[in-house]
Amino acid sequence: MKKMIGNSMGEVGGINVVEHIITKNMWEFYIIDDPENVRPEGYVTALVMGHETEIGDVYLPEIEPYIISRTTQLDQVFPARGWSWVESN
């Protein structure tokens, strides 16, 4: 897990990213660890960089056929545009 703070979206406390996904259309999904948000099976909360950058629920089975990259190793992943990683001490 790696913490990311938003420079332009006003996310004061930041978000905890647990996975990064890229689909064939080059959209990026930063999967967020949000233990307080109970969702139906298959849904995750994500910051999505597509036509717009927004946070919302994503149904993973819908995008799985289009995934070209998927990793939980976030050290080599750039933060979302307008966001930055919080360096851990």
Protein backbone atom coordinates (compact mmCIF):
# COMPACT_ATOMS: atom_id res chain seq x y z
CA MET A 1 0.00 0.00 0.00
CA LYS A 2 1.20 3.50 -0.80
CA LYS A 3 -0.39 6.85 0.14
CA MET A 4 -1.14 9.36 -2.61
CA ILE A 5 -2.24 12.96 -2.04
CA GLY A 6 -4.17 15.04 -4.52
CA ASN A 7 -2.78 18.39 -5.52
CA SER A 8 -5.85 19.45 -7.47
CA MET A 9 -8.77 17.42 -6.15
CA GLY A 10 -8.65 18.55 -2.53
CA GLU A 11 -8.12 15.11 -0.98
CA VAL A 12 -6.86 16.42 2.36
CA GLY A 13 -5.89 13.13 4.02
CA GLY A 14 -4.85 11.37 0.84
CA ILE A 15 -5.83 7.93 -0.38
CA ASN A 16 -4.24 4.53 0.25
CA VAL A 17 -3.51 2.86 -3.10
CA VAL A 18 -3.19 -0.94 -3.01
CA GLU A 19 -3.09 -1.80 -6.73
CA HIS A 20 -2.50 -0.18 -10.12
CA ILE A 21 -4.24 -1.33 -13.31
CA ILE A 22 -3.89 -0.18 -16.94
CA THR A 23 -6.46 -1.20 -19.55
CA LYS A 24 -6.10 -1.49 -23.35
CA ASN A 25 -7.51 2.01 -23.84
CA MET A 26 -4.68 3.27 -21.55
CA TRP A 27 -6.99 4.21 -18.69
CA GLU A 28 -5.31 3.89 -15.32
CA PHE A 29 -7.03 2.60 -12.18
CA TYR A 30 -5.51 3.28 -8.77
CA ILE A 31 -7.37 0.83 -6.53
CA ILE A 32 -8.03 2.37 -3.12
CA ASP A 33 -8.09 0.60 0.23
CA ASP A 34 -11.29 1.91 1.77
CA PRO A 35 -12.29 -0.41 4.65
CA GLU A 36 -15.23 1.80 5.66
CA ASN A 37 -16.91 1.54 2.24
CA VAL A 38 -18.78 -1.78 2.01
CA ARG A 39 -19.45 -2.65 -1.64
CA PRO A 40 -21.09 -5.58 -3.41
CA GLU A 41 -18.77 -8.39 -4.52
CA GLY A 42 -16.58 -7.47 -7.48
CA TYR A 43 -16.67 -3.73 -6.82
CA VAL A 44 -13.68 -1.67 -5.68
CA THR A 45 -13.15 2.03 -5.12
CA ALA A 46 -10.60 3.54 -7.49
CA LEU A 47 -9.15 6.78 -8.72
CA VAL A 48 -9.60 6.46 -12.48
CA MET A 49 -7.60 8.42 -15.04
CA GLY A 50 -9.57 8.22 -18.27
CA HIS A 51 -11.29 11.04 -20.13
CA GLU A 52 -11.48 12.71 -16.71
CA THR A 53 -9.81 11.92 -13.41
CA GLU A 54 -12.36 10.86 -10.80
CA ILE A 55 -12.87 8.61 -7.81
CA GLY A 56 -15.68 6.08 -7.79
CA ASP A 57 -16.68 2.44 -7.68
CA VAL A 58 -15.45 0.13 -10.45
CA TYR A 59 -16.82 -3.33 -11.25
CA LEU A 60 -13.64 -5.37 -11.79
CA PRO A 61 -15.22 -8.23 -13.81
CA GLU A 62 -16.25 -5.63 -16.41
CA ILE A 63 -12.71 -4.36 -17.00
CA GLU A 64 -10.75 -7.62 -16.48
CA PRO A 65 -10.83 -8.68 -20.18
CA TYR A 66 -9.17 -5.36 -21.09
CA ILE A 67 -6.37 -5.29 -18.48
CA ILE A 68 -2.85 -5.14 -19.94
CA SER A 69 -0.99 -4.34 -16.71
CA ARG A 70 -1.83 -5.07 -13.09
CA THR A 71 0.48 -4.72 -10.10
CA THR A 72 0.56 -4.28 -6.37
CA GLN A 73 4.27 -3.33 -6.56
CA LEU A 74 3.75 0.44 -6.51
CA ASP A 75 7.39 1.55 -6.16
CA GLN A 76 7.78 1.72 -9.96
CA VAL A 77 4.37 3.30 -10.66
CA PHE A 78 4.00 7.03 -11.25
CA PRO A 79 1.27 8.77 -9.24
CA ALA A 80 -1.88 9.92 -10.98
CA ARG A 81 -1.67 13.23 -12.84
CA GLY A 82 -2.12 16.03 -10.30
CA TRP A 83 -1.28 13.71 -7.40
CA SER A 84 1.95 12.76 -5.64
CA TRP A 85 3.16 9.88 -3.53
CA VAL A 86 3.71 10.49 0.16
CA GLU A 87 7.20 9.33 0.98
CA SER A 88 7.32 6.99 3.96
CA ASN A 89 10.02 7.48 6.57
